[in-house]
Amino acid sequence: MSDRDYLPLSATLVKTLTDKLYEKRKTAALEIEKMVRELIAVQNYEQ
């Protein structure tokens, strides 16, 4: 799949979410949480 399929998430971030190691999944989840907080801060509800 291409990056467009996961917008606004990158393919790398999605792959990390499915990683076997908990720490990698946790890091990816925290990155998504950060992105969501930033989008809410600028009131960008489209993504």
PDB file of N, CA and C in Angstrom:
ATOM      1  N   MET A   1       0.836  -1.184   0.000  1.00  0.00           N
ATOM      2  CA  MET A   1       0.000   0.000   0.000  1.00  0.00           C
ATOM      3  C   MET A   1       0.878   1.243   0.000  1.00  0.00           C
ATOM      4  N   SER A   2       0.331   2.287  -0.515  1.00  0.00           N
ATOM      5  CA  SER A   2       1.091   3.527  -0.587  1.00  0.00           C
ATOM      6  C   SER A   2       0.823   4.394   0.633  1.00  0.00           C
ATOM      7  N   ASP A   3       1.606   5.444   0.764  1.00  0.00           N
ATOM      8  CA  ASP A   3       1.431   6.374   1.883  1.00  0.00           C
ATOM      9  C   ASP A   3       0.049   7.025   1.851  1.00  0.00           C
ATOM     10  N   ARG A   4      -0.498   7.212   0.655  1.00  0.00           N
ATOM     11  CA  ARG A   4      -1.813   7.852   0.544  1.00  0.00           C
ATOM     12  C   ARG A   4      -2.904   7.024   1.213  1.00  0.00           C
ATOM     13  N   ASP A   5      -2.723   5.709   1.250  1.00  0.00           N
ATOM     14  CA  ASP A   5      -3.726   4.843   1.861  1.00  0.00           C
ATOM     15  C   ASP A   5      -3.838   5.054   3.363  1.00  0.00           C
ATOM     16  N   TYR A   6      -2.805   5.592   3.971  1.00  0.00           N
ATOM     17  CA  TYR A   6      -2.761   5.756   5.418  1.00  0.00           C
ATOM     18  C   TYR A   6      -2.825   7.208   5.868  1.00  0.00           C
ATOM     19  N   LEU A   7      -3.030   8.133   4.953  1.00  0.00           N
ATOM     20  CA  LEU A   7      -3.009   9.546   5.318  1.00  0.00           C
ATOM     21  C   LEU A   7      -3.915   9.821   6.494  1.00  0.00           C
ATOM     22  N   PRO A   8      -3.515  10.601   7.447  1.00  0.00           N
ATOM     23  CA  PRO A   8      -2.286  11.379   7.536  1.00  0.00           C
ATOM     24  C   PRO A   8      -1.120  10.607   8.143  1.00  0.00           C
ATOM     25  N   LEU A   9      -1.280   9.305   8.364  1.00  0.00           N
ATOM     26  CA  LEU A   9      -0.185   8.505   8.922  1.00  0.00           C
ATOM     27  C   LEU A   9       0.738   8.036   7.809  1.00  0.00           C
ATOM     28  N   SER A  10       2.012   7.936   8.113  1.00  0.00           N
ATOM     29  CA  SER A  10       2.951   7.417   7.127  1.00  0.00           C
ATOM     30  C   SER A  10       2.911   5.893   7.158  1.00  0.00           C
ATOM     31  N   ALA A  11       3.319   5.271   6.080  1.00  0.00           N
ATOM     32  CA  ALA A  11       3.364   3.807   6.018  1.00  0.00           C
ATOM     33  C   ALA A  11       4.316   3.255   7.070  1.00  0.00           C
ATOM     34  N   THR A  12       5.400   3.974   7.328  1.00  0.00           N
ATOM     35  CA  THR A  12       6.363   3.546   8.348  1.00  0.00           C
ATOM     36  C   THR A  12       5.716   3.531   9.725  1.00  0.00           C
ATOM     37  N   LEU A  13       4.937   4.533  10.020  1.00  0.00           N
ATOM     38  CA  LEU A  13       4.268   4.606  11.314  1.00  0.00           C
ATOM     39  C   LEU A  13       3.263   3.464  11.466  1.00  0.00           C
ATOM     40  N   VAL A  14       2.525   3.166  10.419  1.00  0.00           N
ATOM     41  CA  VAL A  14       1.560   2.066  10.464  1.00  0.00           C
ATOM     42  C   VAL A  14       2.280   0.740  10.654  1.00  0.00           C
ATOM     43  N   LYS A  15       3.399   0.572   9.975  1.00  0.00           N
ATOM     44  CA  LYS A  15       4.186  -0.660  10.118  1.00  0.00           C
ATOM     45  C   LYS A  15       4.697  -0.802  11.550  1.00  0.00           C
ATOM     46  N   THR A  16       5.120   0.298  12.146  1.00  0.00           N
ATOM     47  CA  THR A  16       5.623   0.268  13.518  1.00  0.00           C
ATOM     48  C   THR A  16       4.509  -0.087  14.499  1.00  0.00           C
ATOM     49  N   LEU A  17       3.284   0.297  14.199  1.00  0.00           N
ATOM     50  CA  LEU A  17       2.155  -0.050  15.068  1.00  0.00           C
ATOM     51  C   LEU A  17       1.932  -1.557  15.149  1.00  0.00           C
ATOM     52  N   THR A  18       2.335  -2.268  14.126  1.00  0.00           N
ATOM     53  CA  THR A  18       2.134  -3.719  14.105  1.00  0.00           C
ATOM     54  C   THR A  18       3.400  -4.485  14.469  1.00  0.00           C
ATOM     55  N   ASP A  19       4.409  -3.784  14.938  1.00  0.00           N
ATOM     56  CA  ASP A  19       5.675  -4.422  15.299  1.00  0.00           C
ATOM     57  C   ASP A  19       5.484  -5.376  16.478  1.00  0.00           C
ATOM     58  N   LYS A  20       6.349  -6.372  16.541  1.00  0.00           N
ATOM     59  CA  LYS A  20       6.276  -7.372  17.604  1.00  0.00           C
ATOM     60  C   LYS A  20       6.672  -6.800  18.960  1.00  0.00           C
ATOM     61  N   LEU A  21       7.584  -5.854  18.959  1.00  0.00           N
ATOM     62  CA  LEU A  21       8.078  -5.290  20.212  1.00  0.00           C
ATOM     63  C   LEU A  21       7.139  -4.212  20.748  1.00  0.00           C
ATOM     64  N   TYR A  22       6.803  -4.334  22.015  1.00  0.00           N
ATOM     65  CA  TYR A  22       5.893  -3.395  22.674  1.00  0.00           C
ATOM     66  C   TYR A  22       6.416  -1.967  22.613  1.00  0.00           C
ATOM     67  N   GLU A  23       7.696  -1.780  22.864  1.00  0.00           N
ATOM     68  CA  GLU A  23       8.262  -0.425  22.903  1.00  0.00           C
ATOM     69  C   GLU A  23       8.108   0.290  21.563  1.00  0.00           C
ATOM     70  N   LYS A  24       8.262  -0.432  20.460  1.00  0.00           N
ATOM     71  CA  LYS A  24       8.093   0.193  19.143  1.00  0.00           C
ATOM     72  C   LYS A  24       6.633   0.574  18.914  1.00  0.00           C
ATOM     73  N   ARG A  25       5.712  -0.304  19.310  1.00  0.00           N
ATOM     74  CA  ARG A  25       4.285   0.009  19.170  1.00  0.00           C
ATOM     75  C   ARG A  25       3.910   1.205  20.037  1.00  0.00           C
ATOM     76  N   LYS A  26       4.469   1.253  21.230  1.00  0.00           N
ATOM     77  CA  LYS A  26       4.185   2.360  22.147  1.00  0.00           C
ATOM     78  C   LYS A  26       4.677   3.682  21.563  1.00  0.00           C
ATOM     79  N   THR A  27       5.880   3.667  20.997  1.00  0.00           N
ATOM     80  CA  THR A  27       6.440   4.870  20.382  1.00  0.00           C
ATOM     81  C   THR A  27       5.548   5.353  19.241  1.00  0.00           C
ATOM     82  N   ALA A  28       5.076   4.431  18.416  1.00  0.00           N
ATOM     83  CA  ALA A  28       4.200   4.796  17.305  1.00  0.00           C
ATOM     84  C   ALA A  28       2.886   5.375  17.824  1.00  0.00           C
ATOM     85  N   ALA A  29       2.336   4.771  18.860  1.00  0.00           N
ATOM     86  CA  ALA A  29       1.082   5.266  19.431  1.00  0.00           C
ATOM     87  C   ALA A  29       1.253   6.667  20.005  1.00  0.00           C
ATOM     88  N   LEU A  30       2.370   6.907  20.649  1.00  0.00           N
ATOM     89  CA  LEU A  30       2.632   8.240  21.196  1.00  0.00           C
ATOM     90  C   LEU A  30       2.787   9.272  20.082  1.00  0.00           C
ATOM     91  N   GLU A  31       3.377   8.867  18.974  1.00  0.00           N
ATOM     92  CA  GLU A  31       3.521   9.765  17.825  1.00  0.00           C
ATOM     93  C   GLU A  31       2.145  10.124  17.257  1.00  0.00           C
ATOM     94  N   ILE A  32       1.262   9.144  17.176  1.00  0.00           N
ATOM     95  CA  ILE A  32      -0.093   9.402  16.688  1.00  0.00           C
ATOM     96  C   ILE A  32      -0.831  10.321  17.653  1.00  0.00           C
ATOM     97  N   GLU A  33      -0.675  10.079  18.940  1.00  0.00           N
ATOM     98  CA  GLU A  33      -1.309  10.936  19.942  1.00  0.00           C
ATOM     99  C   GLU A  33      -0.831  12.379  19.794  1.00  0.00           C
ATOM    100  N   LYS A  34       0.457  12.554  19.555  1.00  0.00           N
ATOM    101  CA  LYS A  34       1.027  13.893  19.364  1.00  0.00           C
ATOM    102  C   LYS A  34       0.416  14.565  18.127  1.00  0.00           C
ATOM    103  N   MET A  35       0.286  13.794  17.034  1.00  0.00           N
ATOM    104  CA  MET A  35      -0.293  14.336  15.808  1.00  0.00           C
ATOM    105  C   MET A  35      -1.738  14.775  16.038  1.00  0.00           C
ATOM    106  N   VAL A  36      -2.503  13.952  16.745  1.00  0.00           N
ATOM    107  CA  VAL A  36      -3.905  14.270  17.012  1.00  0.00           C
ATOM    108  C   VAL A  36      -4.011  15.534  17.857  1.00  0.00           C
ATOM    109  N   ARG A  37      -3.180  15.633  18.880  1.00  0.00           N
ATOM    110  CA  ARG A  37      -3.207  16.831  19.734  1.00  0.00           C
ATOM    111  C   ARG A  37      -2.876  18.089  18.925  1.00  0.00           C
ATOM    112  N   GLU A  38      -1.903  17.994  18.019  1.00  0.00           N
ATOM    113  CA  GLU A  38      -1.541  19.146  17.190  1.00  0.00           C
ATOM    114  C   GLU A  38      -2.678  19.523  16.246  1.00  0.00           C
ATOM    115  N   LEU A  39      -3.337  18.526  15.654  1.00  0.00           N
ATOM    116  CA  LEU A  39      -4.448  18.811  14.748  1.00  0.00           C
ATOM    117  C   LEU A  39      -5.622  19.435  15.498  1.00  0.00           C
ATOM    118  N   ILE A  40      -5.883  18.962  16.697  1.00  0.00           N
ATOM    119  CA  ILE A  40      -6.959  19.544  17.504  1.00  0.00           C
ATOM    120  C   ILE A  40      -6.614  20.976  17.890  1.00  0.00           C
ATOM    121  N   ALA A  41      -5.350  21.221  18.191  1.00  0.00           N
ATOM    122  CA  ALA A  41      -4.924  22.564  18.596  1.00  0.00           C
ATOM    123  C   ALA A  41      -5.167  23.587  17.495  1.00  0.00           C
ATOM    124  N   VAL A  42      -5.013  23.179  16.248  1.00  0.00           N
ATOM    125  CA  VAL A  42      -5.254  24.101  15.135  1.00  0.00           C
ATOM    126  C   VAL A  42      -6.654  23.911  14.550  1.00  0.00           C
ATOM    127  N   GLN A  43      -7.460  23.100  15.230  1.00  0.00           N
ATOM    128  CA  GLN A  43      -8.843  22.824  14.843  1.00  0.00           C
ATOM    129  C   GLN A  43      -8.951  22.292  13.424  1.00  0.00           C
ATOM    130  N   ASN A  44      -8.057  21.396  13.076  1.00  0.00           N
ATOM    131  CA  ASN A  44      -8.086  20.754  11.765  1.00  0.00           C
ATOM    132  C   ASN A  44      -8.763  19.397  11.928  1.00  0.00           C
ATOM    133  N   TYR A  45     -10.079  19.377  11.808  1.00  0.00           N
ATOM    134  CA  TYR A  45     -10.842  18.149  12.026  1.00  0.00           C
ATOM    135  C   TYR A  45     -11.003  17.336  10.738  1.00  0.00           C
ATOM    136  N   GLU A  46     -10.505  17.840   9.637  1.00  0.00           N
ATOM    137  CA  GLU A  46     -10.635  17.155   8.353  1.00  0.00           C
ATOM    138  C   GLU A  46      -9.793  15.887   8.281  1.00  0.00           C
ATOM    139  N   GLN A  47      -8.618  15.901   8.906  1.00  0.00           N
ATOM    140  CA  GLN A  47      -7.732  14.747   8.816  1.00  0.00           C
ATOM    141  C   GLN A  47      -8.060  13.821   9.931  1.00  0.00           C
TER     142      GLN A  47
END
